């Protein structure tokens, strides 16, 4: 069964997608290790997710709505997976509250409920993953 078929299943679909994203990120991290650029990890993670038959939009523009108008102000979501989960890829010394705030803002503007913040610049990837909900 393809994960994209779970789109209307609410939490169940989002949980399957996040589990798949985390598994794919672990595979990418095992292969590449820490110390590379975010763009490298983003590209490899998108490729890995497509191999797992998930629809992935990269660098998806995210307009904001201000009063009665929609503004293109340069916000871009790293990965939007199956139109359900926003993934922000980082390669930083450590995740900071500003990174979580950024992801929560992207969730708000996109209307998505679940996001993953993944920092690849760690020895053990599971210590660099945050799952956030709006």
N, C-alpha and C. Protein backbone atom coordinates (compact mmCIF):
# COMPACT_ATOMS: atom_id res chain seq x y z
N UNK A 1 0.84 -1.18 0.00
CA UNK A 1 0.00 0.00 0.00
C UNK A 1 0.89 1.24 0.00
N UNK A 2 0.57 2.21 -0.79
CA UNK A 2 1.33 3.44 -0.87
C UNK A 2 0.87 4.39 0.22
N UNK A 3 1.84 5.12 0.80
CA UNK A 3 1.51 6.03 1.91
C UNK A 3 0.58 7.15 1.49
N UNK A 4 0.66 7.58 0.24
CA UNK A 4 -0.18 8.71 -0.16
C UNK A 4 -1.67 8.37 -0.09
N UNK A 5 -2.00 7.09 -0.04
CA UNK A 5 -3.40 6.69 0.08
C UNK A 5 -3.96 7.01 1.46
N UNK A 6 -3.11 7.36 2.39
CA UNK A 6 -3.54 7.63 3.76
C UNK A 6 -3.92 9.09 3.98
N UNK A 7 -3.95 9.89 2.93
CA UNK A 7 -4.14 11.32 3.06
C UNK A 7 -5.34 11.70 3.92
N UNK A 8 -6.46 11.02 3.81
CA UNK A 8 -7.67 11.41 4.52
C UNK A 8 -7.81 10.69 5.86
N UNK A 9 -6.79 10.00 6.31
CA UNK A 9 -6.89 9.25 7.55
C UNK A 9 -6.41 10.03 8.76
N UNK A 10 -6.22 11.33 8.65
CA UNK A 10 -5.87 12.16 9.80
C UNK A 10 -4.59 11.74 10.46
N UNK A 11 -4.64 11.58 11.79
CA UNK A 11 -3.45 11.26 12.57
C UNK A 11 -2.76 10.00 12.08
N UNK A 12 -3.54 8.97 11.72
CA UNK A 12 -2.95 7.71 11.28
C UNK A 12 -2.06 7.93 10.06
N UNK A 13 -2.54 8.67 9.08
CA UNK A 13 -1.76 8.95 7.88
C UNK A 13 -0.53 9.78 8.19
N UNK A 14 -0.69 10.79 9.03
CA UNK A 14 0.44 11.64 9.41
C UNK A 14 1.49 10.83 10.16
N UNK A 15 1.05 9.92 11.03
CA UNK A 15 2.00 9.10 11.77
C UNK A 15 2.78 8.17 10.85
N UNK A 16 2.11 7.57 9.88
CA UNK A 16 2.81 6.72 8.93
C UNK A 16 3.83 7.51 8.11
N UNK A 17 3.45 8.71 7.72
CA UNK A 17 4.36 9.55 6.95
C UNK A 17 5.55 9.94 7.80
N UNK A 18 5.32 10.39 9.03
CA UNK A 18 6.45 10.80 9.87
C UNK A 18 7.38 9.63 10.17
N UNK A 19 6.83 8.45 10.39
CA UNK A 19 7.66 7.26 10.61
C UNK A 19 8.52 6.97 9.38
N UNK A 20 7.93 7.09 8.21
CA UNK A 20 8.66 6.84 6.97
C UNK A 20 9.75 7.89 6.76
N UNK A 21 9.43 9.16 7.03
CA UNK A 21 10.43 10.23 6.89
C UNK A 21 11.59 9.99 7.85
N UNK A 22 11.29 9.64 9.08
CA UNK A 22 12.35 9.40 10.06
C UNK A 22 13.23 8.22 9.63
N UNK A 23 12.61 7.15 9.16
CA UNK A 23 13.39 6.01 8.68
C UNK A 23 14.28 6.38 7.51
N UNK A 24 13.74 7.16 6.57
CA UNK A 24 14.52 7.60 5.42
C UNK A 24 15.67 8.51 5.86
N UNK A 25 15.40 9.40 6.81
CA UNK A 25 16.44 10.31 7.31
C UNK A 25 17.56 9.52 7.99
N UNK A 26 17.20 8.50 8.74
CA UNK A 26 18.21 7.66 9.39
C UNK A 26 19.08 6.98 8.33
N UNK A 27 18.46 6.49 7.26
CA UNK A 27 19.23 5.86 6.18
C UNK A 27 20.18 6.86 5.53
N UNK A 28 19.70 8.08 5.28
CA UNK A 28 20.56 9.11 4.69
C UNK A 28 21.72 9.42 5.63
N UNK A 29 21.44 9.56 6.91
CA UNK A 29 22.47 9.89 7.89
C UNK A 29 23.50 8.76 8.01
N UNK A 30 23.04 7.52 7.98
CA UNK A 30 23.97 6.38 8.03
C UNK A 30 24.92 6.40 6.84
N UNK A 31 24.39 6.75 5.69
CA UNK A 31 25.19 6.78 4.47
C UNK A 31 26.16 7.95 4.43
N UNK A 32 25.71 9.14 4.84
CA UNK A 32 26.50 10.35 4.67
C UNK A 32 27.22 10.82 5.93
N UNK A 33 26.64 10.55 7.09
CA UNK A 33 27.20 11.05 8.34
C UNK A 33 26.96 12.55 8.49
N UNK A 34 27.44 13.12 9.61
CA UNK A 34 27.29 14.56 9.84
C UNK A 34 28.34 15.35 9.07
N UNK A 35 28.15 16.69 9.03
CA UNK A 35 29.18 17.58 8.52
C UNK A 35 28.98 18.12 7.12
N UNK A 36 27.88 17.77 6.46
CA UNK A 36 27.62 18.27 5.11
C UNK A 36 26.65 19.43 5.14
N UNK A 37 26.38 20.00 3.98
CA UNK A 37 25.45 21.12 3.87
C UNK A 37 24.00 20.65 3.94
N UNK A 38 23.14 21.55 4.43
CA UNK A 38 21.71 21.24 4.48
C UNK A 38 21.17 20.86 3.11
N UNK A 39 21.62 21.53 2.07
CA UNK A 39 21.11 21.24 0.72
C UNK A 39 21.40 19.80 0.32
N UNK A 40 22.53 19.28 0.74
CA UNK A 40 22.88 17.89 0.44
C UNK A 40 21.91 16.94 1.12
N UNK A 41 21.69 17.15 2.41
CA UNK A 41 20.77 16.29 3.15
C UNK A 41 19.35 16.41 2.61
N UNK A 42 18.92 17.62 2.28
CA UNK A 42 17.57 17.83 1.75
C UNK A 42 17.39 17.06 0.44
N UNK A 43 18.34 17.17 -0.45
CA UNK A 43 18.24 16.49 -1.74
C UNK A 43 18.24 14.97 -1.58
N UNK A 44 19.12 14.48 -0.72
CA UNK A 44 19.20 13.03 -0.51
C UNK A 44 17.95 12.50 0.19
N UNK A 45 17.43 13.25 1.16
CA UNK A 45 16.21 12.82 1.84
C UNK A 45 15.03 12.82 0.88
N UNK A 46 14.91 13.84 0.05
CA UNK A 46 13.83 13.87 -0.94
C UNK A 46 13.93 12.66 -1.86
N UNK A 47 15.13 12.34 -2.31
CA UNK A 47 15.33 11.19 -3.19
C UNK A 47 14.93 9.89 -2.47
N UNK A 48 15.36 9.75 -1.24
CA UNK A 48 15.05 8.55 -0.46
C UNK A 48 13.54 8.39 -0.26
N UNK A 49 12.85 9.49 -0.02
CA UNK A 49 11.39 9.44 0.17
C UNK A 49 10.68 9.07 -1.13
N UNK A 50 11.18 9.57 -2.24
CA UNK A 50 10.59 9.21 -3.54
C UNK A 50 10.81 7.73 -3.83
N UNK A 51 11.96 7.20 -3.42
CA UNK A 51 12.20 5.76 -3.58
C UNK A 51 11.19 4.95 -2.77
N UNK A 52 10.67 5.55 -1.72
CA UNK A 52 9.67 4.89 -0.87
C UNK A 52 8.25 5.23 -1.32
N UNK A 53 8.16 5.77 -2.53
CA UNK A 53 6.89 6.04 -3.20
C UNK A 53 6.05 7.11 -2.51
N UNK A 54 6.73 8.11 -1.97
CA UNK A 54 6.03 9.25 -1.39
C UNK A 54 6.19 10.46 -2.30
N UNK A 55 5.15 11.25 -2.38
CA UNK A 55 5.20 12.50 -3.13
C UNK A 55 5.91 13.54 -2.26
N UNK A 56 6.91 14.19 -2.83
CA UNK A 56 7.71 15.17 -2.09
C UNK A 56 7.85 16.43 -2.93
N UNK A 57 7.49 17.56 -2.35
CA UNK A 57 7.75 18.86 -2.95
C UNK A 57 8.93 19.47 -2.21
N UNK A 58 9.93 19.95 -2.95
CA UNK A 58 11.09 20.56 -2.32
C UNK A 58 11.07 22.07 -2.55
N UNK A 59 11.58 22.78 -1.54
CA UNK A 59 11.66 24.24 -1.62
C UNK A 59 10.32 24.85 -2.04
N UNK A 60 9.25 24.34 -1.48
CA UNK A 60 7.91 24.80 -1.84
C UNK A 60 7.67 26.20 -1.27
N UNK A 61 7.31 27.13 -2.17
CA UNK A 61 7.01 28.48 -1.76
C UNK A 61 5.83 28.51 -0.80
N UNK A 62 5.91 29.40 0.16
CA UNK A 62 4.88 29.49 1.18
C UNK A 62 4.46 30.95 1.35
N UNK A 63 3.42 31.35 0.64
CA UNK A 63 2.95 32.72 0.80
C UNK A 63 2.27 32.90 2.16
N UNK A 64 2.22 34.12 2.62
CA UNK A 64 1.47 34.39 3.85
C UNK A 64 0.27 35.26 3.49
N UNK A 65 -0.75 35.11 4.29
CA UNK A 65 -1.96 35.91 4.10
C UNK A 65 -1.94 37.01 5.14
N UNK A 66 -1.97 38.24 4.66
CA UNK A 66 -2.00 39.38 5.55
C UNK A 66 -3.24 40.19 5.20
N UNK A 67 -4.17 40.23 6.15
CA UNK A 67 -5.46 40.88 5.96
C UNK A 67 -6.15 40.27 4.74
N UNK A 68 -6.30 41.02 3.69
CA UNK A 68 -7.05 40.52 2.54
C UNK A 68 -6.17 40.11 1.36
N UNK A 69 -4.85 40.13 1.56
CA UNK A 69 -3.98 39.81 0.43
C UNK A 69 -3.03 38.67 0.76
N UNK A 70 -2.59 38.01 -0.29
CA UNK A 70 -1.59 36.96 -0.16
C UNK A 70 -0.26 37.53 -0.62
N UNK A 71 0.76 37.39 0.24
CA UNK A 71 2.06 37.96 -0.06
C UNK A 71 3.11 36.87 -0.26
N UNK A 72 3.87 36.98 -1.33
CA UNK A 72 5.02 36.10 -1.55
C UNK A 72 6.21 36.81 -0.92
N UNK A 73 6.66 36.30 0.22
CA UNK A 73 7.72 36.99 0.94
C UNK A 73 8.98 36.14 1.07
N UNK A 74 9.09 35.09 0.29
CA UNK A 74 10.32 34.33 0.24
C UNK A 74 10.42 33.14 1.18
N UNK A 75 9.36 32.81 1.91
CA UNK A 75 9.41 31.62 2.76
C UNK A 75 9.33 30.38 1.89
N UNK A 76 10.17 29.40 2.21
CA UNK A 76 10.18 28.15 1.47
C UNK A 76 10.29 26.99 2.45
N UNK A 77 9.38 26.04 2.29
CA UNK A 77 9.41 24.83 3.10
C UNK A 77 10.43 23.89 2.46
N UNK A 78 11.34 23.33 3.26
CA UNK A 78 12.35 22.42 2.71
C UNK A 78 11.68 21.26 1.98
N UNK A 79 10.83 20.52 2.69
CA UNK A 79 10.12 19.39 2.09
C UNK A 79 8.68 19.38 2.55
N UNK A 80 7.77 19.17 1.63
CA UNK A 80 6.38 18.91 1.96
C UNK A 80 6.11 17.50 1.48
N UNK A 81 5.81 16.60 2.41
CA UNK A 81 5.69 15.19 2.11
C UNK A 81 4.23 14.77 2.09
N UNK A 82 3.79 14.27 0.94
CA UNK A 82 2.43 13.74 0.76
C UNK A 82 1.36 14.77 1.13
N UNK A 83 1.66 16.04 0.99
CA UNK A 83 0.72 17.12 1.34
C UNK A 83 0.23 16.99 2.78
N UNK A 84 1.03 16.36 3.64
CA UNK A 84 0.63 16.15 5.03
C UNK A 84 1.65 16.62 6.06
N UNK A 85 2.93 16.48 5.76
CA UNK A 85 3.97 16.72 6.75
C UNK A 85 5.01 17.68 6.20
N UNK A 86 5.30 18.72 6.97
CA UNK A 86 6.35 19.69 6.65
C UNK A 86 7.64 19.20 7.30
N UNK A 87 8.72 19.17 6.51
CA UNK A 87 10.01 18.74 7.04
C UNK A 87 11.02 19.87 6.82
N UNK A 88 11.63 20.30 7.92
CA UNK A 88 12.69 21.29 7.86
C UNK A 88 14.00 20.59 8.16
N UNK A 89 14.94 20.71 7.25
CA UNK A 89 16.25 20.06 7.35
C UNK A 89 17.27 21.08 7.85
N UNK A 90 18.03 20.67 8.85
CA UNK A 90 19.09 21.51 9.40
C UNK A 90 20.40 20.73 9.44
N UNK A 91 21.50 21.48 9.44
CA UNK A 91 22.84 20.91 9.65
C UNK A 91 23.58 21.91 10.53
N UNK A 92 23.16 21.95 11.79
CA UNK A 92 23.65 22.95 12.74
C UNK A 92 24.25 22.26 13.97
N UNK A 93 25.00 23.03 14.75
CA UNK A 93 25.62 22.46 15.95
C UNK A 93 24.57 21.90 16.91
N UNK A 94 23.48 22.65 17.06
CA UNK A 94 22.37 22.15 17.89
C UNK A 94 21.09 22.89 17.49
N UNK A 95 19.97 22.23 17.70
CA UNK A 95 18.69 22.87 17.42
C UNK A 95 18.39 23.90 18.49
N UNK A 96 17.87 25.03 18.04
CA UNK A 96 17.55 26.13 18.94
C UNK A 96 16.05 26.39 18.92
N UNK A 97 15.54 27.11 19.91
CA UNK A 97 14.11 27.45 19.91
C UNK A 97 13.67 28.17 18.64
N UNK A 98 14.55 28.95 18.02
CA UNK A 98 14.19 29.66 16.79
C UNK A 98 13.89 28.68 15.66
N UNK A 99 14.56 27.53 15.63
CA UNK A 99 14.29 26.53 14.61
C UNK A 99 12.89 25.94 14.79
N UNK A 100 12.52 25.68 16.04
CA UNK A 100 11.17 25.17 16.31
C UNK A 100 10.14 26.24 15.97
N UNK A 101 10.42 27.49 16.30
CA UNK A 101 9.50 28.58 15.98
C UNK A 101 9.31 28.70 14.47
N UNK A 102 10.39 28.54 13.72
CA UNK A 102 10.30 28.59 12.25
C UNK A 102 9.38 27.49 11.75
N UNK A 103 9.55 26.27 12.23
CA UNK A 103 8.71 25.17 11.78
C UNK A 103 7.25 25.39 12.17
N UNK A 104 7.00 25.87 13.38
CA UNK A 104 5.62 26.14 13.80
C UNK A 104 4.98 27.23 12.93
N UNK A 105 5.77 28.22 12.54
CA UNK A 105 5.26 29.26 11.64
C UNK A 105 4.92 28.67 10.28
N UNK A 106 5.77 27.81 9.77
CA UNK A 106 5.49 27.16 8.48
C UNK A 106 4.24 26.31 8.56
N UNK A 107 4.04 25.64 9.68
CA UNK A 107 2.82 24.85 9.85
C UNK A 107 1.59 25.76 9.82
N UNK A 108 1.68 26.86 10.50
CA UNK A 108 0.56 27.81 10.55
C UNK A 108 0.23 28.33 9.15
N UNK A 109 1.25 28.82 8.43
CA UNK A 109 1.02 29.39 7.10
C UNK A 109 0.58 28.35 6.08
N UNK A 110 1.05 27.12 6.23
CA UNK A 110 0.71 26.08 5.25
C UNK A 110 -0.62 25.40 5.55
N UNK A 111 -1.09 25.53 6.80
CA UNK A 111 -2.31 24.83 7.19
C UNK A 111 -2.07 23.38 7.56
N UNK A 112 -0.81 22.93 7.56
CA UNK A 112 -0.49 21.56 7.94
C UNK A 112 -0.47 21.47 9.47
N UNK A 113 -0.65 20.25 9.98
CA UNK A 113 -0.69 20.06 11.42
C UNK A 113 0.60 19.51 12.00
N UNK A 114 1.35 18.74 11.20
CA UNK A 114 2.52 18.03 11.72
C UNK A 114 3.77 18.43 10.96
N UNK A 115 4.86 18.62 11.72
CA UNK A 115 6.14 18.93 11.10
C UNK A 115 7.27 18.20 11.78
N UNK A 116 8.32 17.96 11.01
CA UNK A 116 9.53 17.35 11.54
C UNK A 116 10.69 18.32 11.34
N UNK A 117 11.45 18.50 12.38
CA UNK A 117 12.67 19.29 12.34
C UNK A 117 13.80 18.28 12.50
N UNK A 118 14.65 18.18 11.47
CA UNK A 118 15.69 17.14 11.47
C UNK A 118 17.06 17.80 11.32
N UNK A 119 17.89 17.63 12.35
CA UNK A 119 19.25 18.14 12.33
C UNK A 119 20.20 16.98 12.02
N UNK A 120 20.82 17.04 10.85
CA UNK A 120 21.72 15.97 10.43
C UNK A 120 23.13 16.11 10.99
N UNK A 121 23.43 17.21 11.65
CA UNK A 121 24.78 17.44 12.14
C UNK A 121 24.94 16.91 13.57
N UNK A 122 24.60 15.65 13.75
CA UNK A 122 24.68 14.98 15.05
C UNK A 122 25.29 13.59 14.85
N UNK A 123 25.81 13.00 15.92
CA UNK A 123 26.37 11.65 15.81
C UNK A 123 25.27 10.61 15.64
N UNK A 124 24.19 10.74 16.42
CA UNK A 124 23.07 9.81 16.37
C UNK A 124 21.84 10.60 15.94
N UNK A 125 21.31 10.29 14.76
CA UNK A 125 20.26 11.14 14.19
C UNK A 125 19.04 11.26 15.08
N UNK A 126 18.66 10.22 15.79
CA UNK A 126 17.46 10.31 16.61
C UNK A 126 17.55 11.44 17.65
N UNK A 127 18.76 11.83 18.02
CA UNK A 127 18.90 12.95 18.96
C UNK A 127 18.70 14.30 18.28
N UNK A 128 18.62 14.31 16.95
CA UNK A 128 18.45 15.55 16.21
C UNK A 128 17.08 15.70 15.58
N UNK A 129 16.11 14.92 16.03
CA UNK A 129 14.77 14.96 15.42
C UNK A 129 13.75 15.51 16.42
N UNK A 130 12.95 16.47 15.97
CA UNK A 130 11.84 16.99 16.76
C UNK A 130 10.57 16.88 15.92
N UNK A 131 9.52 16.34 16.52
CA UNK A 131 8.20 16.27 15.87
C UNK A 131 7.34 17.33 16.54
N UNK A 132 6.82 18.26 15.75
CA UNK A 132 6.00 19.33 16.29
C UNK A 132 4.61 19.27 15.69
N UNK A 133 3.63 19.68 16.48
CA UNK A 133 2.25 19.71 16.01
C UNK A 133 1.66 21.09 16.29
N UNK A 134 0.78 21.49 15.39
CA UNK A 134 0.12 22.78 15.55
C UNK A 134 -1.25 22.55 16.15
